[in-house]
Amino acid sequence: MDGDRHAADAVRSTAVIPMPAEIDIANASRLAVELDASLKPGVKTLIIDMTRTTFCDSLGVRVIARTCLIGTVAPRRAGADHPGQVWIADSRQAACLM
């Protein structure tokens, strides 16, 4: 995992993870590990930045969907008073998956 790719702000408890131009079988496992690592305690909001992404196969969609599920459910299970937030951003719009 490349620590330089993460832009985490401890004050706002936000992690921004930029995605590559293509997400497919060649890199989906590595991205899953990176996204899982970004869901550490204290991170309340995860932004999956897909502004550079031009292709995402079904495995990539599965990795992102799994991250959204874990990111929104896990904080409640850990005793947080609110669910986490996972945002997916691209150059046209952003969507909050809660």
Protein backbone atom coordinates (compact mmCIF):
# COMPACT_ATOMS: atom_id res chain seq x y z
CA MET A 1 0.00 0.00 0.00
CA ASP A 2 1.33 3.37 -1.01
CA GLY A 3 0.99 5.79 1.90
CA ASP A 4 1.45 8.76 -0.46
CA ARG A 5 -1.84 7.93 -2.16
CA HIS A 6 -3.80 8.57 1.02
CA ALA A 7 -4.91 12.03 1.96
CA ALA A 8 -6.21 11.55 5.48
CA ASP A 9 -7.26 14.46 7.65
CA ALA A 10 -7.35 13.53 11.34
CA VAL A 11 -9.30 16.64 12.27
CA ARG A 12 -12.17 15.89 9.89
CA SER A 13 -11.72 12.11 10.15
CA THR A 14 -11.81 11.82 6.36
CA ALA A 15 -9.80 9.55 4.08
CA VAL A 16 -9.61 10.13 0.33
CA ILE A 17 -8.51 7.16 -1.74
CA PRO A 18 -7.77 7.90 -5.42
CA MET A 19 -8.57 5.03 -7.77
CA PRO A 20 -6.52 4.16 -10.87
CA ALA A 21 -7.61 4.71 -14.48
CA GLU A 22 -8.69 1.07 -14.77
CA ILE A 23 -10.06 -1.24 -12.09
CA ASP A 24 -10.12 -4.87 -13.11
CA ILE A 25 -8.95 -8.35 -12.13
CA ALA A 26 -5.33 -7.23 -12.35
CA ASN A 27 -5.59 -4.73 -9.48
CA ALA A 28 -8.91 -5.33 -7.67
CA SER A 29 -7.36 -7.42 -4.87
CA ARG A 30 -4.74 -4.77 -4.14
CA LEU A 31 -7.41 -2.06 -4.13
CA ALA A 32 -9.55 -4.12 -1.73
CA VAL A 33 -6.64 -4.28 0.71
CA GLU A 34 -6.00 -0.55 0.34
CA LEU A 35 -9.67 0.34 0.84
CA ASP A 36 -9.97 -1.98 3.84
CA ALA A 37 -6.91 -0.34 5.40
CA SER A 38 -8.48 3.10 4.95
CA LEU A 39 -11.42 2.09 7.18
CA LYS A 40 -9.36 2.36 10.34
CA PRO A 41 -10.77 3.59 13.65
CA GLY A 42 -11.38 7.33 13.65
CA VAL A 43 -12.19 7.56 9.95
CA LYS A 44 -15.82 8.62 9.72
CA THR A 45 -15.91 9.48 6.03
CA LEU A 46 -14.25 7.65 3.15
CA ILE A 47 -14.14 9.23 -0.29
CA ILE A 48 -13.39 6.85 -3.15
CA ASP A 49 -12.06 9.25 -5.78
CA MET A 50 -12.78 7.84 -9.23
CA THR A 51 -12.11 11.03 -11.18
CA ARG A 52 -9.34 9.30 -13.17
CA THR A 53 -11.20 6.00 -13.58
CA THR A 54 -12.39 5.26 -17.11
CA PHE A 55 -13.02 1.50 -16.72
CA CYS A 56 -14.27 -0.62 -13.85
CA ASP A 57 -15.18 -4.28 -14.36
CA SER A 58 -17.61 -6.28 -12.23
CA LEU A 59 -14.89 -7.33 -9.78
CA GLY A 60 -14.05 -3.67 -9.23
CA VAL A 61 -17.71 -2.89 -8.61
CA ARG A 62 -17.82 -5.74 -6.09
CA VAL A 63 -14.75 -4.40 -4.23
CA ILE A 64 -16.28 -0.92 -4.06
CA ALA A 65 -19.70 -2.24 -2.98
CA ARG A 66 -18.06 -4.35 -0.25
CA THR A 67 -16.12 -1.32 0.98
CA CYS A 68 -19.33 0.71 1.09
CA LEU A 69 -21.06 -1.98 3.14
CA ILE A 70 -18.18 -2.36 5.58
CA GLY A 71 -17.65 1.40 5.83
CA THR A 72 -21.25 2.16 6.70
CA VAL A 73 -22.07 -0.82 8.94
CA ALA A 74 -18.83 -1.39 10.86
CA PRO A 75 -18.89 1.89 12.85
CA ARG A 76 -22.31 1.01 14.29
CA ARG A 77 -21.13 -2.45 15.24
CA ALA A 78 -18.16 -0.87 17.01
CA GLY A 79 -20.49 1.27 19.13
CA ALA A 80 -20.42 4.53 17.17
CA ASP A 81 -23.50 6.70 17.49
CA HIS A 82 -23.80 7.02 13.71
CA PRO A 83 -22.90 5.00 10.64
CA GLY A 84 -19.83 5.87 8.62
CA GLN A 85 -20.14 7.51 5.23
CA VAL A 86 -18.66 6.32 1.97
CA TRP A 87 -18.67 8.71 -0.99
CA ILE A 88 -17.85 7.81 -4.55
CA ALA A 89 -16.72 10.80 -6.56
CA ASP A 90 -16.03 11.17 -10.25
CA SER A 91 -15.54 14.18 -12.49
CA ARG A 92 -19.30 14.57 -13.01
CA GLN A 93 -20.83 13.97 -9.59
CA ALA A 94 -20.48 12.51 -6.13
CA ALA A 95 -22.77 10.03 -4.46
CA CYS A 96 -23.01 9.32 -0.76
CA LEU A 97 -23.65 5.66 -0.03
CA MET A 98 -24.93 5.24 3.48
